[in-house]
N, C-alpha and C. Protein backbone atom coordinates (compact mmCIF):
# COMPACT_ATOMS: atom_id res chain seq x y z
N MET A 1 -42.11 111.94 102.18
CA MET A 1 -42.32 110.76 102.94
C MET A 1 -42.01 109.76 103.48
N ARG A 2 -42.66 109.27 104.81
CA ARG A 2 -41.69 108.49 105.88
C ARG A 2 -41.53 106.84 104.52
N GLU A 3 -40.51 106.69 105.80
CA GLU A 3 -39.95 105.01 104.61
C GLU A 3 -40.86 104.35 104.39
N GLU A 4 -41.55 104.05 105.89
CA GLU A 4 -42.44 103.11 105.84
C GLU A 4 -44.35 103.40 105.06
N VAL A 5 -44.39 104.42 105.27
CA VAL A 5 -45.46 104.76 104.29
C VAL A 5 -44.55 104.30 102.55
N ARG A 6 -44.09 104.78 102.20
CA ARG A 6 -43.75 104.77 100.79
C ARG A 6 -43.90 103.60 99.98
N ARG A 7 -42.63 102.48 101.34
CA ARG A 7 -43.07 101.20 101.05
C ARG A 7 -44.69 100.13 100.75
N LEU A 8 -45.29 100.93 101.89
CA LEU A 8 -46.49 100.54 101.81
C LEU A 8 -47.19 100.79 100.54
N TRP A 9 -47.21 102.15 100.43
CA TRP A 9 -48.15 102.86 98.95
C TRP A 9 -47.51 102.01 97.94
N LEU A 10 -45.84 102.25 97.75
CA LEU A 10 -45.70 101.04 96.41
C LEU A 10 -46.24 99.89 96.84
N GLN A 11 -46.66 99.36 97.41
CA GLN A 11 -46.80 97.66 97.55
C GLN A 11 -48.29 97.53 97.29
N ALA A 12 -49.11 98.89 97.42
CA ALA A 12 -50.22 98.86 97.53
C ALA A 12 -51.01 99.10 95.74
N LEU A 13 -49.98 99.75 95.17
CA LEU A 13 -49.96 100.28 93.70
C LEU A 13 -49.80 98.76 93.16
N GLU A 14 -48.54 97.87 93.55
CA GLU A 14 -48.37 97.04 92.82
C GLU A 14 -49.55 95.96 92.79
N ASP A 15 -50.15 96.05 94.20
CA ASP A 15 -51.03 94.95 94.06
C ASP A 15 -52.09 95.20 93.12
N LEU A 16 -52.64 96.47 93.37
CA LEU A 16 -53.49 97.07 92.31
C LEU A 16 -53.72 97.01 90.50
N ARG A 17 -52.01 96.90 90.28
CA ARG A 17 -51.20 96.14 89.15
C ARG A 17 -52.08 94.46 88.83
N THR A 18 -51.50 93.77 89.83
CA THR A 18 -51.56 92.53 90.18
C THR A 18 -52.80 92.34 89.76
N SER A 19 -54.18 93.10 90.42
CA SER A 19 -55.38 92.87 90.38
C SER A 19 -56.13 92.64 89.08
N GLU A 20 -55.22 94.01 88.13
CA GLU A 20 -55.82 94.30 86.76
C GLU A 20 -55.31 93.46 85.78
N ILE A 21 -54.21 92.89 85.92
CA ILE A 21 -53.47 91.63 84.82
C ILE A 21 -54.66 90.15 85.59
N LEU A 22 -54.57 90.31 87.05
CA LEU A 22 -55.42 88.92 86.93
C LEU A 22 -56.66 88.85 86.46
N LEU A 23 -57.20 89.92 85.99
CA LEU A 23 -58.68 90.39 85.36
C LEU A 23 -58.11 90.13 83.90
N GLU A 24 -57.55 90.81 83.79
CA GLU A 24 -57.34 90.42 82.02
C GLU A 24 -57.13 89.11 82.02
N VAL A 25 -56.50 87.85 82.64
CA VAL A 25 -56.26 86.84 82.32
C VAL A 25 -57.33 85.39 83.23
N GLY A 26 -58.26 86.31 83.20
CA GLY A 26 -59.61 85.23 83.90
C GLY A 26 -59.50 85.17 85.45
N ARG A 27 -58.87 85.42 86.07
CA ARG A 27 -58.20 84.50 87.18
C ARG A 27 -58.99 86.42 88.42
N TYR A 28 -60.24 85.55 88.42
CA TYR A 28 -61.70 86.82 88.81
C TYR A 28 -61.24 87.03 90.47
N TYR A 29 -60.94 85.29 90.96
CA TYR A 29 -61.26 85.29 92.55
C TYR A 29 -60.00 85.82 92.60
N ALA A 30 -58.82 85.70 92.24
CA ALA A 30 -57.51 86.62 92.51
C ALA A 30 -57.32 88.23 92.36
N SER A 31 -58.06 88.09 91.80
CA SER A 31 -57.87 89.74 90.86
C SER A 31 -58.37 90.74 92.37
N VAL A 32 -59.83 89.81 92.57
CA VAL A 32 -60.49 90.53 94.10
C VAL A 32 -60.13 90.61 94.72
N PHE A 33 -59.34 89.31 95.27
CA PHE A 33 -58.03 89.64 96.78
C PHE A 33 -57.30 90.81 96.60
N PHE A 34 -56.43 90.92 95.46
CA PHE A 34 -55.69 91.89 95.48
C PHE A 34 -56.07 93.35 95.42
N ALA A 35 -57.00 93.02 94.93
CA ALA A 35 -57.82 94.55 94.83
C ALA A 35 -58.19 94.66 96.24
N GLU A 36 -58.68 94.06 96.84
CA GLU A 36 -58.83 94.18 98.49
C GLU A 36 -57.59 94.49 98.94
N GLN A 37 -56.62 94.18 98.74
CA GLN A 37 -55.34 94.05 99.33
C GLN A 37 -54.60 95.46 99.25
N ALA A 38 -54.84 96.01 97.86
CA ALA A 38 -54.35 97.34 97.31
C ALA A 38 -54.80 97.95 98.58
N ALA A 39 -56.65 98.23 98.81
CA ALA A 39 -57.17 98.98 99.51
C ALA A 39 -56.67 98.96 101.05
N GLU A 40 -56.40 97.96 101.14
CA GLU A 40 -55.77 97.89 102.55
C GLU A 40 -54.70 98.20 102.53
N LYS A 41 -53.79 98.39 101.93
CA LYS A 41 -52.65 98.59 101.71
C LYS A 41 -52.62 100.11 101.72
N ALA A 42 -53.11 100.96 101.07
CA ALA A 42 -53.42 102.36 100.77
C ALA A 42 -53.83 103.03 101.87
N LEU A 43 -54.72 102.02 102.64
CA LEU A 43 -55.37 103.02 103.78
C LEU A 43 -54.02 102.65 105.32
N LYS A 44 -53.82 102.03 105.14
CA LYS A 44 -52.64 101.73 106.23
C LYS A 44 -51.65 102.59 105.74
N ALA A 45 -50.77 102.96 104.65
CA ALA A 45 -50.28 104.14 104.33
C ALA A 45 -50.79 105.24 104.94
N LEU A 46 -52.07 105.54 104.10
CA LEU A 46 -52.61 107.08 104.93
C LEU A 46 -52.89 106.98 106.68
N TYR A 47 -53.20 105.67 107.05
CA TYR A 47 -53.20 105.88 108.64
C TYR A 47 -51.48 106.72 109.00
N ILE A 48 -50.32 105.71 108.65
CA ILE A 48 -49.15 106.02 109.38
C ILE A 48 -48.74 107.61 108.67
N HIS A 49 -48.71 107.53 107.74
CA HIS A 49 -48.95 109.06 107.68
C HIS A 49 -49.07 110.19 108.15
N VAL A 50 -50.50 109.88 108.80
CA VAL A 50 -51.93 111.16 109.34
C VAL A 50 -51.34 110.90 110.80
N LYS A 51 -51.45 109.62 111.12
CA LYS A 51 -51.22 109.19 112.57
C LYS A 51 -49.94 109.21 113.26
N GLY A 52 -48.74 109.34 112.48
CA GLY A 52 -47.41 108.87 112.68
C GLY A 52 -47.16 107.64 113.82
N GLU A 53 -47.60 106.78 113.29
CA GLU A 53 -48.08 105.66 114.52
C GLU A 53 -47.96 104.40 113.40
N PRO A 54 -47.81 103.28 113.77
CA PRO A 54 -48.08 101.88 113.37
C PRO A 54 -49.55 101.64 112.80
N SER A 55 -50.28 101.45 111.76
CA SER A 55 -51.78 101.20 111.71
C SER A 55 -51.99 99.98 112.60
N PRO A 56 -53.90 99.87 112.55
CA PRO A 56 -54.26 98.80 113.20
C PRO A 56 -54.09 97.33 112.55
N LYS A 57 -53.80 96.33 113.40
CA LYS A 57 -53.70 95.18 112.84
C LYS A 57 -54.67 94.66 112.78
N THR A 58 -55.90 95.40 111.44
CA THR A 58 -57.12 94.89 110.76
C THR A 58 -57.04 94.73 109.17
N HIS A 59 -58.37 93.53 109.04
CA HIS A 59 -58.18 93.88 108.10
C HIS A 59 -59.57 94.44 107.25
N ASN A 60 -60.04 94.81 108.51
CA ASN A 60 -61.68 96.02 108.08
C ASN A 60 -61.18 96.85 107.33
N LEU A 61 -61.98 97.04 106.31
CA LEU A 61 -61.41 98.92 105.68
C LEU A 61 -62.09 99.61 106.23
N VAL A 62 -63.47 99.60 106.76
CA VAL A 62 -64.36 100.37 107.20
C VAL A 62 -63.86 100.87 108.37
N GLU A 63 -63.35 100.29 109.62
CA GLU A 63 -62.29 100.32 110.93
C GLU A 63 -61.69 101.36 110.70
N LEU A 64 -60.37 100.75 108.94
CA LEU A 64 -59.71 101.62 109.00
C LEU A 64 -60.57 103.09 108.71
N LEU A 65 -61.38 103.48 107.66
CA LEU A 65 -61.68 104.45 107.37
C LEU A 65 -62.36 105.42 108.88
N GLU A 66 -62.90 104.51 109.65
CA GLU A 66 -63.21 105.23 110.97
C GLU A 66 -62.36 105.63 111.41
N VAL A 67 -61.06 105.14 111.78
CA VAL A 67 -60.27 105.74 112.72
C VAL A 67 -59.35 106.71 112.25
N LEU A 68 -59.41 106.99 110.89
CA LEU A 68 -58.99 107.83 109.88
C LEU A 68 -60.03 109.24 109.99
N GLY A 69 -61.66 108.37 110.77
CA GLY A 69 -61.92 109.98 110.80
C GLY A 69 -62.54 110.12 109.36
N ILE A 70 -62.20 108.99 107.80
CA ILE A 70 -63.19 109.66 107.13
C ILE A 70 -64.27 108.96 106.58
N GLY A 71 -65.36 109.46 106.08
CA GLY A 71 -66.45 109.39 105.68
C GLY A 71 -66.60 109.11 104.10
N GLY A 72 -67.86 109.64 104.09
CA GLY A 72 -68.29 109.77 102.32
C GLY A 72 -68.75 108.52 102.33
N GLU A 73 -70.50 108.34 101.44
CA GLU A 73 -70.97 107.23 101.38
C GLU A 73 -70.23 106.37 100.17
N ASP A 74 -69.68 106.52 99.06
CA ASP A 74 -68.87 106.00 98.40
C ASP A 74 -67.86 105.16 98.78
N LEU A 75 -67.01 106.07 99.75
CA LEU A 75 -65.38 105.43 100.70
C LEU A 75 -65.86 104.41 100.97
N VAL A 76 -67.00 104.39 102.55
CA VAL A 76 -67.82 103.67 103.13
C VAL A 76 -67.98 102.07 102.13
N ASP A 77 -68.98 102.42 100.96
CA ASP A 77 -69.79 101.04 100.52
C ASP A 77 -68.67 100.22 99.54
N ALA A 78 -67.43 101.13 99.33
CA ALA A 78 -66.52 100.51 98.63
C ALA A 78 -65.54 99.81 100.06
N ALA A 79 -65.43 99.85 101.06
CA ALA A 79 -64.99 99.24 101.90
C ALA A 79 -66.06 98.35 102.33
N MET A 80 -67.06 98.38 102.55
CA MET A 80 -67.67 97.09 102.67
C MET A 80 -67.81 96.42 102.10
N ASP A 81 -67.60 96.30 100.65
CA ASP A 81 -67.86 95.44 99.78
C ASP A 81 -66.30 94.57 99.63
N LEU A 82 -65.33 95.26 99.93
CA LEU A 82 -63.66 94.88 100.05
C LEU A 82 -63.54 94.13 101.14
N THR A 83 -63.95 94.23 102.24
CA THR A 83 -63.53 94.30 103.35
C THR A 83 -63.84 92.28 103.55
N PRO A 84 -64.75 92.09 103.47
CA PRO A 84 -65.00 90.10 103.34
C PRO A 84 -64.10 89.53 102.48
N GLU A 85 -63.97 89.76 101.09
CA GLU A 85 -62.67 89.34 100.09
C GLU A 85 -61.31 89.07 100.76
N TYR A 86 -61.24 89.62 101.92
CA TYR A 86 -59.32 88.95 102.26
C TYR A 86 -59.57 87.87 102.73
N ILE A 87 -60.69 87.17 102.76
CA ILE A 87 -60.92 85.35 103.46
C ILE A 87 -62.14 85.53 102.43
N VAL A 88 -62.70 85.43 102.47
CA VAL A 88 -64.01 85.11 101.26
C VAL A 88 -63.01 84.10 99.75
N THR A 89 -62.16 84.98 98.81
CA THR A 89 -61.39 84.73 97.51
C THR A 89 -60.29 84.00 97.99
N ARG A 90 -59.99 83.59 99.20
CA ARG A 90 -59.28 82.60 99.82
C ARG A 90 -59.65 81.30 100.40
N TYR A 91 -60.56 81.14 100.91
CA TYR A 91 -60.94 80.09 101.66
C TYR A 91 -62.30 79.65 101.38
N PRO A 92 -62.80 78.26 100.99
CA PRO A 92 -63.92 77.23 100.29
C PRO A 92 -64.92 77.49 101.46
N ASP A 93 -64.14 77.39 103.12
CA ASP A 93 -65.44 77.54 104.07
C ASP A 93 -66.01 79.11 104.46
N ALA A 94 -65.08 79.70 103.94
CA ALA A 94 -65.58 81.06 104.41
C ALA A 94 -66.38 81.44 103.15
N ALA A 95 -66.91 81.48 101.63
CA ALA A 95 -67.09 81.25 100.65
C ALA A 95 -68.00 80.17 100.35
N SER A 96 -68.52 79.21 101.29
CA SER A 96 -69.20 78.56 101.33
C SER A 96 -69.47 77.81 99.01
N GLY A 97 -68.11 77.65 99.28
CA GLY A 97 -68.10 76.94 97.49
C GLY A 97 -66.26 77.09 97.47
N VAL A 98 -65.81 77.04 96.02
CA VAL A 98 -64.84 77.17 95.81
C VAL A 98 -64.72 78.36 95.20
N PRO A 99 -63.32 79.16 96.07
CA PRO A 99 -63.76 80.54 95.36
C PRO A 99 -63.30 80.51 93.95
N ALA A 100 -62.58 79.94 93.60
CA ALA A 100 -62.14 79.87 92.01
C ALA A 100 -63.39 80.19 90.85
N SER A 101 -64.04 79.25 91.79
CA SER A 101 -65.57 79.15 90.39
C SER A 101 -66.61 80.63 90.90
N LEU A 102 -66.44 81.71 92.18
CA LEU A 102 -67.50 81.79 92.54
C LEU A 102 -67.63 83.79 91.87
N TYR A 103 -66.56 83.66 91.46
CA TYR A 103 -66.54 85.22 90.93
C TYR A 103 -66.24 85.22 89.30
N ASN A 104 -66.94 86.49 88.75
CA ASN A 104 -66.83 86.78 87.30
C ASN A 104 -66.14 87.99 87.23
N GLU A 105 -66.43 88.10 86.02
CA GLU A 105 -65.72 89.34 85.17
C GLU A 105 -66.34 90.39 85.64
N ARG A 106 -67.58 90.27 86.06
CA ARG A 106 -67.94 91.73 86.46
C ARG A 106 -67.87 91.55 88.16
N MET A 107 -68.06 91.08 88.12
CA MET A 107 -67.65 91.21 89.83
C MET A 107 -65.99 91.40 90.35
N ALA A 108 -65.29 91.13 89.58
CA ALA A 108 -63.95 91.82 89.61
C ALA A 108 -63.66 92.70 89.11
N ARG A 109 -64.13 93.48 88.16
CA ARG A 109 -64.37 94.69 87.49
C ARG A 109 -64.71 95.62 88.27
N GLU A 110 -66.31 95.43 89.32
CA GLU A 110 -66.59 96.18 90.47
C GLU A 110 -65.70 96.39 91.47
N HIS A 111 -64.96 95.37 91.91
CA HIS A 111 -64.20 95.40 92.85
C HIS A 111 -62.80 96.30 92.95
N LEU A 112 -62.06 95.48 91.41
CA LEU A 112 -61.61 96.75 91.10
C LEU A 112 -61.81 98.30 91.10
N GLU A 113 -62.92 98.70 90.91
CA GLU A 113 -62.96 99.90 90.58
C GLU A 113 -63.12 100.33 91.99
N LYS A 114 -63.65 99.42 93.10
CA LYS A 114 -63.92 100.18 94.30
C LYS A 114 -62.63 100.23 95.26
N ALA A 115 -61.70 99.62 94.90
CA ALA A 115 -60.48 99.42 95.03
C ALA A 115 -59.86 100.65 94.95
N LYS A 116 -59.78 101.16 93.40
CA LYS A 116 -59.05 102.73 92.77
C LYS A 116 -60.04 103.45 93.71
N LEU A 117 -60.99 103.49 94.00
CA LEU A 117 -61.88 104.79 94.14
C LEU A 117 -60.75 104.87 95.42
N ILE A 118 -60.59 104.11 96.43
CA ILE A 118 -60.11 103.72 98.05
C ILE A 118 -59.15 104.82 97.18
N ILE A 119 -57.93 103.72 96.51
CA ILE A 119 -56.42 104.34 96.24
C ILE A 119 -56.64 105.94 95.85
N ASP A 120 -57.61 106.36 95.04
CA ASP A 120 -57.46 107.71 94.26
C ASP A 120 -57.42 108.32 95.82
N PHE A 121 -58.66 108.45 96.41
CA PHE A 121 -58.69 109.01 97.86
C PHE A 121 -57.21 109.43 98.73
N CYS A 122 -56.81 107.55 98.91
CA CYS A 122 -55.48 107.62 99.26
C CYS A 122 -54.38 108.67 98.33
N ARG A 123 -54.19 108.57 97.68
CA ARG A 123 -52.99 109.16 96.76
C ARG A 123 -53.63 110.91 96.80
N LYS A 124 -54.55 111.41 96.95
CA LYS A 124 -54.96 112.58 96.89
C LYS A 124 -54.96 113.23 98.52
N SER A 125 -54.98 112.56 99.41
CA SER A 125 -54.36 112.71 100.60
C SER A 125 -53.07 112.90 101.44
N LEU A 126 -52.46 111.56 100.54
CA LEU A 126 -51.31 111.45 100.36
C LEU A 126 -50.36 112.83 100.02
N GLU A 127 -50.70 113.09 98.91
CA GLU A 127 -49.43 114.48 97.69
C GLU A 127 -50.46 115.77 98.81
N GLY A 128 -51.78 115.65 99.05
CA GLY A 128 -52.01 116.93 99.27
C GLY A 128 -51.90 117.30 100.34
N ASP A 129 -50.69 116.91 101.35
CA ASP A 129 -49.71 117.68 102.16
C ASP A 129 -48.71 117.85 102.17
N GLY A 130 -48.20 117.65 100.57
CA GLY A 130 -46.90 118.39 100.31
C GLY A 130 -45.42 117.86 100.73
N ASP A 131 -45.69 116.63 101.10
CA ASP A 131 -44.99 115.63 101.69
C ASP A 131 -44.43 114.74 101.68
N GLY A 132 -44.70 114.23 99.99
CA GLY A 132 -43.87 113.43 99.38
C GLY A 132 -44.35 113.71 98.30
């Protein structure tokens, strides 16, 4: 596994764990943000691994799936739900309110599960090459 892929992948796993910790302590908006970040970094690691070039400069998870040629309704739905959270969880003007007050435990758990779906797919793809 290339070093840049390994670094992105390890950070994706750290972001996933951070999302879990934030969920446990009731910081739901932040948990959702880190869930999105984990999925994004995992997809970018996979992109670099597969394409051998830098990943696109985007935060759109659906776009990352498309350029990787990955379909699957579950993955696309997860990506569609996670993508806006990059902005909405951080900016009141994007959230039409204070992000910290707009998320609850159920929402955070759902987003975390969606991130895990994407990460599990990326893990299988990265390990499936027998390259790392």
